[in-house]
Protein backbone atom coordinates (compact mmCIF):
# COMPACT_ATOMS: atom_id res chain seq x y z
CA UNK A 1 8.25 3.86 -6.48
CA UNK A 2 8.05 5.63 -3.15
CA UNK A 3 7.23 9.33 -2.82
CA UNK A 4 8.22 11.60 0.09
CA UNK A 5 5.28 12.86 2.10
CA UNK A 6 6.56 14.35 5.36
CA UNK A 7 9.71 14.75 7.45
CA UNK A 8 9.16 15.33 11.18
CA UNK A 9 11.43 17.37 13.49
CA UNK A 10 13.07 14.21 14.85
CA UNK A 11 14.11 13.19 11.28
CA UNK A 12 11.31 10.63 10.99
CA UNK A 13 10.41 10.32 7.32
CA UNK A 14 7.04 9.26 5.95
CA UNK A 15 6.88 8.08 2.35
CA UNK A 16 4.18 6.39 0.29
CA UNK A 17 3.84 4.29 -2.83
CA UNK A 18 1.78 4.81 -5.94
CA UNK A 19 -1.71 3.39 -5.69
CA UNK A 20 -1.49 -0.29 -6.50
CA UNK A 21 -3.90 -2.07 -8.87
CA UNK A 22 -5.69 -3.52 -5.84
CA UNK A 23 -6.36 0.03 -4.54
CA UNK A 24 -3.86 -0.15 -1.69
CA UNK A 25 -1.15 2.37 -0.85
CA UNK A 26 1.97 1.43 1.14
CA UNK A 27 3.02 4.02 3.73
CA UNK A 28 6.48 3.60 5.24
CA UNK A 29 7.70 5.38 8.38
CA UNK A 30 11.42 5.43 9.18
CA UNK A 31 13.55 7.20 11.79
CA UNK A 32 17.34 6.98 11.88
CA UNK A 33 18.83 5.79 15.18
CA UNK A 34 22.36 4.90 16.14
CA UNK A 35 23.21 1.73 14.26
CA UNK A 36 20.15 1.62 12.01
CA UNK A 37 16.52 2.65 11.76
CA UNK A 38 13.21 2.30 13.52
CA UNK A 39 10.49 1.62 10.97
CA UNK A 40 6.88 0.62 10.38
CA UNK A 41 4.70 -0.08 7.37
CA UNK A 42 1.00 0.71 6.96
CA UNK A 43 -1.29 -0.18 4.06
CA UNK A 44 -4.15 2.14 3.23
CA UNK A 45 -7.11 2.27 3.01
CA UNK A 46 -7.49 -0.62 5.50
CA UNK A 47 -4.82 0.61 7.99
CA UNK A 48 -3.01 -2.73 8.15
CA UNK A 49 0.24 -2.30 10.09
CA UNK A 50 3.25 -4.62 9.82
CA UNK A 51 7.02 -4.77 10.27
CA UNK A 52 7.03 -2.45 13.30
CA UNK A 53 10.62 -2.34 14.50
CA UNK A 54 11.95 -0.18 17.34
CA UNK A 55 9.01 2.17 17.89
CA UNK A 56 7.35 2.21 21.32
CA UNK A 57 3.60 1.77 21.78
CA UNK A 58 3.33 5.50 22.54
CA UNK A 59 5.18 6.39 19.33
CA UNK A 60 3.03 4.01 17.30
CA UNK A 61 -0.17 5.54 18.72
CA UNK A 62 1.12 8.93 17.55
CA UNK A 63 1.98 7.63 14.06
CA UNK A 64 -1.33 5.80 13.72
CA UNK A 65 -3.23 9.02 14.50
CA UNK A 66 -1.00 10.96 12.11
CA UNK A 67 -1.57 8.52 9.25
CA UNK A 68 -5.33 8.38 9.91
CA UNK A 69 -5.51 12.19 9.81
CA UNK A 70 -3.53 12.35 6.55
CA UNK A 71 -4.79 9.20 4.79
CA UNK A 72 -7.07 11.10 2.42
CA UNK A 73 -4.15 13.24 1.22
CA UNK A 74 -1.75 10.31 0.95
CA UNK A 75 -4.29 8.37 -1.12
CA UNK A 76 -4.89 11.38 -3.37
CA UNK A 77 -1.16 11.98 -3.87
CA UNK A 78 -0.59 8.28 -4.57
CA UNK A 79 -2.86 8.62 -7.60
CA UNK A 80 -1.08 11.73 -8.90
CA UNK A 81 2.56 10.70 -8.60
CA UNK A 82 3.30 12.15 -5.18
CA UNK A 83 2.97 15.55 -3.54
CA UNK A 84 5.36 17.27 -5.96
CA UNK A 85 3.38 16.33 -9.06
CA UNK A 86 0.02 16.93 -7.37
CA UNK A 87 1.06 20.43 -6.30
CA UNK A 88 2.39 21.29 -9.77
CA UNK A 89 -0.74 20.34 -11.67
CA UNK A 90 -2.47 23.11 -13.51
CA UNK A 91 -4.94 24.83 -11.23
CA UNK A 92 -8.04 26.58 -12.47
CA UNK A 93 -8.98 29.70 -10.58
CA UNK A 94 -12.65 30.54 -10.46
CA UNK A 95 -13.49 34.13 -9.74
CA UNK A 96 -16.76 34.52 -7.88
CA UNK A 97 -19.32 36.93 -9.32
CA UNK A 98 -19.30 40.39 -7.89
CA UNK A 99 -21.68 40.89 -5.02
CA UNK A 100 -23.41 44.11 -4.16
CA UNK A 101 -24.04 45.16 -0.63
CA UNK A 102 -27.55 46.33 0.09
């Protein structure tokens, strides 16, 4: 199953898989273009890229930096069933003790 992660202003979509038994997460980038799609696949945590179709080197440098900056979140969400489920999990709020000003 693939989970939505991010949609960019140019309609590029980034989705990711559940964490696989081998510890890898598939990240898929796709942008609609006339007559089809540009796409690329990355596997985390080793940042293996494959099936890059249509994206320029400049675009790929941008996407590589974007995935590297978000990898920790993508990996976390892949273990929790995507962003939606991770954000809906019960949160515990801890109230700090009162402090007095001297």
